[in-house]
Amino acid sequence: MGYFQGNDFRKITGGKKGKHRDKRKFELGSPPTETKLSNEQVIEKERVMGGNEKIRIKYAAFANVYDPQEKVSKKTKIISVLQTPANREYARRGIIVKGTIIQTELGKAKVTSRPGQDGTINAVLIRE
């Protein structure tokens, strides 16, 4: 079964609508990219609508961590995934999404980018 982002040809009541055309290629979707913590960084390029390229991180090892007090950004190694507000299971499985709190060499940081969409992991250091 493909990933379809168009109209599902059904009424609100659940009955079938008269199909006036077939599914089109631009209505195709894709499965979510669950960026996992790893020792090596693996990046995947995918062709998307308009012939553009979307860079997705499959496996992540580093993050660009911004320190708001020093106003400096540094590339640091990710040690572990501590907490994910989007899904409790993601933290246990080591999946990084926007809003995830990660442990880095500099300390705890909150991910501000979307690794499956942006192709990079940006985070802001949390001072406690």
Protein backbone atom coordinates (compact mmCIF):
# COMPACT_ATOMS: atom_id res chain seq x y z
CA MET A 1 0.00 0.00 0.00
CA GLY A 2 1.40 3.39 -0.96
CA TYR A 3 1.38 6.59 1.09
CA PHE A 4 -1.45 8.76 -0.27
CA GLN A 5 -1.91 12.40 0.78
CA GLY A 6 -4.88 13.27 -1.40
CA ASN A 7 -8.65 13.00 -0.96
CA ASP A 8 -9.61 9.46 0.09
CA PHE A 9 -12.71 9.42 -2.19
CA ARG A 10 -15.07 8.94 0.75
CA LYS A 11 -17.84 11.04 2.24
CA ILE A 12 -17.90 12.14 5.91
CA THR A 13 -20.51 9.43 6.55
CA GLY A 14 -18.13 6.76 5.23
CA GLY A 15 -19.87 6.14 1.91
CA LYS A 16 -17.90 6.10 -1.32
CA LYS A 17 -17.82 9.18 -3.56
CA GLY A 18 -17.94 8.88 -7.31
CA LYS A 19 -14.30 8.75 -8.38
CA HIS A 20 -13.75 11.44 -11.04
CA ARG A 21 -10.04 10.71 -11.55
CA ASP A 22 -7.22 8.37 -10.55
CA LYS A 23 -4.55 9.04 -7.93
CA ARG A 24 -1.73 11.31 -9.12
CA LYS A 25 2.00 11.11 -8.48
CA PHE A 26 2.09 14.50 -6.70
CA GLU A 27 -0.29 13.09 -4.08
CA LEU A 28 2.29 10.48 -3.05
CA GLY A 29 3.67 10.64 0.47
CA SER A 30 6.46 8.82 2.25
CA PRO A 31 6.90 7.05 5.59
CA PRO A 32 8.30 9.10 8.50
CA THR A 33 12.08 9.17 8.88
CA GLU A 34 12.82 8.10 12.42
CA THR A 35 16.32 9.44 13.03
CA LYS A 36 18.16 7.04 15.31
CA LEU A 37 21.19 7.61 17.53
CA SER A 38 24.30 5.87 16.19
CA ASN A 39 28.11 6.05 16.10
CA GLU A 40 28.12 7.16 12.44
CA GLN A 41 26.02 9.73 10.59
CA VAL A 42 24.00 8.36 7.64
CA ILE A 43 22.27 10.89 5.36
CA GLU A 44 19.73 10.02 2.67
CA LYS A 45 18.73 12.30 -0.22
CA GLU A 46 15.23 11.96 -1.61
CA ARG A 47 13.59 13.53 -4.65
CA VAL A 48 10.45 15.40 -3.65
CA MET A 49 7.81 17.50 -5.40
CA GLY A 50 9.10 19.97 -7.97
CA GLY A 51 12.28 17.98 -8.55
CA ASN A 52 13.72 19.31 -5.29
CA GLU A 53 15.84 17.27 -2.90
CA LYS A 54 15.05 16.62 0.74
CA ILE A 55 17.95 15.59 2.96
CA ARG A 56 17.01 13.17 5.71
CA ILE A 57 19.21 11.93 8.56
CA LYS A 58 18.71 8.19 9.08
CA TYR A 59 21.38 7.77 11.78
CA ALA A 60 22.81 10.65 13.82
CA ALA A 61 26.02 10.99 15.82
CA PHE A 62 26.53 14.77 16.12
CA ALA A 63 24.44 17.87 16.83
CA ASN A 64 25.03 21.61 16.42
CA VAL A 65 24.50 22.84 19.98
CA TYR A 66 23.90 26.55 20.62
CA ASP A 67 24.88 28.02 23.99
CA PRO A 68 22.60 31.04 24.66
CA GLN A 69 24.85 32.46 27.41
CA GLU A 70 28.07 32.45 25.36
CA LYS A 71 26.19 32.98 22.06
CA VAL A 72 28.34 30.28 20.41
CA SER A 73 27.36 27.21 18.42
CA LYS A 74 29.49 24.03 18.57
CA LYS A 75 29.35 20.65 16.85
CA THR A 76 29.23 18.04 19.63
CA LYS A 77 28.76 14.30 19.93
CA ILE A 78 25.36 13.04 21.09
CA ILE A 79 25.75 10.66 24.04
CA SER A 80 22.14 9.58 24.62
CA VAL A 81 18.45 10.39 24.15
CA LEU A 82 16.94 11.35 27.51
CA GLN A 83 13.34 12.33 26.83
CA THR A 84 10.96 12.84 23.92
CA PRO A 85 7.70 14.75 24.49
CA ALA A 86 6.27 13.54 21.16
CA ASN A 87 6.35 9.85 22.12
CA ARG A 88 7.52 8.11 25.29
CA GLU A 89 8.72 5.07 23.31
CA TYR A 90 11.03 7.19 21.10
CA ALA A 91 13.40 7.93 23.99
CA ARG A 92 13.71 4.23 24.78
CA ARG A 93 14.35 3.38 21.11
CA GLY A 94 16.87 6.25 20.68
CA ILE A 95 14.84 8.17 18.07
CA ILE A 96 15.50 11.92 17.73
CA VAL A 97 12.70 14.31 16.70
CA LYS A 98 12.00 18.01 17.28
CA GLY A 99 11.67 18.72 21.01
CA THR A 100 13.76 15.73 22.10
CA ILE A 101 16.08 16.34 25.04
CA ILE A 102 19.50 14.84 24.31
CA GLN A 103 22.64 14.40 26.42
CA THR A 104 25.69 15.86 24.64
CA GLU A 105 29.32 16.40 25.62
CA LEU A 106 28.40 19.99 26.62
CA GLY A 107 25.35 18.91 28.67
CA LYS A 108 21.61 18.56 28.13
CA ALA A 109 20.17 20.14 24.97
CA LYS A 110 16.74 20.47 23.36
CA VAL A 111 16.48 19.69 19.62
CA THR A 112 15.04 22.65 17.67
CA SER A 113 15.29 21.30 14.10
CA ARG A 114 13.43 18.47 12.36
CA PRO A 115 16.12 15.86 11.55
CA GLY A 116 13.88 13.88 9.18
CA GLN A 117 13.11 17.03 7.18
CA ASP A 118 16.10 19.38 7.54
CA GLY A 119 19.05 17.00 7.31
CA THR A 120 20.73 18.43 10.41
CA ILE A 121 20.29 18.34 14.17
CA ASN A 122 20.30 21.77 15.82
CA ALA A 123 19.83 22.04 19.57
CA VAL A 124 19.84 24.65 22.34
CA LEU A 125 21.77 24.00 25.54
CA ILE A 126 19.62 23.73 28.67
CA ARG A 127 21.16 25.35 31.76
CA GLU A 128 19.90 24.02 35.09
